[in-house]
């Protein structure tokens, strides 16, 4: 997520050289791949409750990161940004807070999966 927030900052900053933007795009793509792989690993071992929390987190992440990659590709190709693209590039603080809250919910639920006292409930 932090790589994506860094990419959003780079994409939103006028005058960043294309090579740096391309590197940010590659970091973003790798971050999305890593999160997706982790999501599927969690799906295999998580309880139903933990899976629901991870699914909520992943859906939010997938929606935001997809929009960010689209906006980034527009910046790289010098295509004019629409209002929604501008929002995804400038709204990273709010999005980070949303993702952080969903992450905490998932982590708390996941801990219950591995807590001997609560796992059998």
Protein backbone atom coordinates (compact mmCIF):
# COMPACT_ATOMS: atom_id res chain seq x y z
CA UNK A 1 0.00 0.00 0.00
CA UNK A 2 2.82 2.40 0.79
CA UNK A 3 4.34 1.85 -2.67
CA UNK A 4 0.97 2.76 -4.17
CA UNK A 5 0.68 5.89 -2.05
CA UNK A 6 4.17 6.89 -3.19
CA UNK A 7 3.15 6.28 -6.79
CA UNK A 8 0.03 8.41 -6.35
CA UNK A 9 2.23 11.25 -5.10
CA UNK A 10 4.58 10.91 -8.05
CA UNK A 11 1.72 10.73 -10.55
CA UNK A 12 0.10 13.81 -9.03
CA UNK A 13 3.30 15.87 -9.08
CA UNK A 14 3.86 17.87 -12.26
CA UNK A 15 7.27 17.63 -13.88
CA UNK A 16 8.38 14.23 -12.58
CA UNK A 17 10.55 12.62 -15.24
CA UNK A 18 8.99 9.75 -17.22
CA UNK A 19 11.62 7.24 -16.08
CA UNK A 20 10.74 7.83 -12.43
CA UNK A 21 7.05 7.57 -13.25
CA UNK A 22 7.65 4.28 -15.06
CA UNK A 23 9.53 2.95 -12.02
CA UNK A 24 6.65 4.00 -9.78
CA UNK A 25 4.22 2.23 -12.06
CA UNK A 26 6.27 -0.99 -11.91
CA UNK A 27 6.43 -0.79 -8.09
CA UNK A 28 2.67 -0.32 -8.05
CA UNK A 29 2.04 -3.33 -10.26
CA UNK A 30 4.31 -5.46 -8.06
CA UNK A 31 2.53 -4.25 -4.92
CA UNK A 32 -0.84 -5.22 -6.38
CA UNK A 33 0.53 -8.66 -7.30
CA UNK A 34 1.92 -9.13 -3.78
CA UNK A 35 -1.32 -8.15 -2.08
CA UNK A 36 -3.33 -10.39 -4.39
CA UNK A 37 -1.06 -13.38 -3.70
CA UNK A 38 -1.33 -12.78 0.05
CA UNK A 39 -5.10 -12.51 -0.18
CA UNK A 40 -5.34 -15.96 -1.75
CA UNK A 41 -2.98 -17.44 0.86
CA UNK A 42 -5.18 -16.03 3.61
CA UNK A 43 -8.27 -17.40 1.95
CA UNK A 44 -6.87 -20.91 2.27
CA UNK A 45 -6.29 -20.81 6.05
CA UNK A 46 -8.68 -18.19 7.42
CA UNK A 47 -11.89 -18.79 9.33
CA UNK A 48 -15.11 -17.58 7.75
CA UNK A 49 -15.07 -14.39 9.83
CA UNK A 50 -11.43 -13.63 9.02
CA UNK A 51 -12.04 -14.38 5.37
CA UNK A 52 -14.96 -11.92 5.27
CA UNK A 53 -12.75 -9.24 6.79
CA UNK A 54 -9.92 -10.01 4.36
CA UNK A 55 -12.40 -9.93 1.49
CA UNK A 56 -13.65 -6.48 2.50
CA UNK A 57 -10.07 -5.25 2.70
CA UNK A 58 -9.10 -6.80 -0.63
CA UNK A 59 -12.16 -5.44 -2.44
CA UNK A 60 -11.40 -1.92 -1.24
CA UNK A 61 -7.72 -2.33 -2.12
CA UNK A 62 -8.49 -3.77 -5.56
CA UNK A 63 -10.89 -0.96 -6.40
CA UNK A 64 -8.50 1.77 -5.28
CA UNK A 65 -5.33 0.24 -6.73
CA UNK A 66 -7.06 -0.43 -10.05
CA UNK A 67 -8.17 3.20 -10.26
CA UNK A 68 -4.66 4.32 -9.31
CA UNK A 69 -3.05 2.22 -12.04
CA UNK A 70 -5.48 3.63 -14.60
CA UNK A 71 -4.70 7.19 -13.50
CA UNK A 72 -0.98 6.42 -13.57
CA UNK A 73 -1.16 5.08 -17.09
CA UNK A 74 -2.95 8.26 -18.16
CA UNK A 75 -0.18 10.36 -16.61
CA UNK A 76 2.46 8.28 -18.39
CA UNK A 77 0.71 8.61 -21.73
CA UNK A 78 -0.04 12.33 -21.28
CA UNK A 79 -3.78 11.63 -21.43
CA UNK A 80 -5.88 14.25 -19.66
CA UNK A 81 -7.09 13.16 -16.23
CA UNK A 82 -10.77 13.09 -15.38
CA UNK A 83 -12.11 14.24 -12.00
CA UNK A 84 -12.17 10.66 -10.70
CA UNK A 85 -8.50 10.23 -11.66
CA UNK A 86 -7.57 13.44 -9.86
CA UNK A 87 -9.45 12.25 -6.77
CA UNK A 88 -7.66 8.91 -6.66
CA UNK A 89 -4.30 10.69 -6.89
CA UNK A 90 -5.07 13.33 -4.28
CA UNK A 91 -7.27 11.33 -1.91
CA UNK A 92 -4.58 8.96 -0.70
CA UNK A 93 -4.72 10.08 2.95
CA UNK A 94 -8.40 9.19 3.26
CA UNK A 95 -7.93 5.95 1.35
CA UNK A 96 -4.98 4.98 3.52
CA UNK A 97 -7.12 5.49 6.63
CA UNK A 98 -9.88 3.32 5.14
CA UNK A 99 -7.43 0.55 4.23
CA UNK A 100 -5.75 0.79 7.62
CA UNK A 101 -9.07 0.39 9.44
CA UNK A 102 -9.99 -2.62 7.32
CA UNK A 103 -6.53 -4.09 7.90
CA UNK A 104 -6.87 -3.75 11.65
CA UNK A 105 -10.28 -5.47 11.54
CA UNK A 106 -8.77 -8.33 9.56
CA UNK A 107 -5.70 -8.63 11.81
CA UNK A 108 -7.84 -8.72 14.94
CA UNK A 109 -10.04 -11.41 13.43
CA UNK A 110 -7.02 -13.35 12.19
CA UNK A 111 -5.49 -13.33 15.66
CA UNK A 112 -8.63 -15.04 16.93
CA UNK A 113 -8.03 -17.80 14.37
CA UNK A 114 -4.72 -18.59 16.03
CA UNK A 115 -5.68 -17.98 19.66
CA UNK A 116 -6.16 -21.38 21.30
CA UNK A 117 -8.76 -20.00 23.70
CA UNK A 118 -10.97 -18.54 20.94
CA UNK A 119 -10.20 -20.80 17.97
CA UNK A 120 -12.46 -23.59 19.15
CA UNK A 121 -15.49 -21.31 19.55
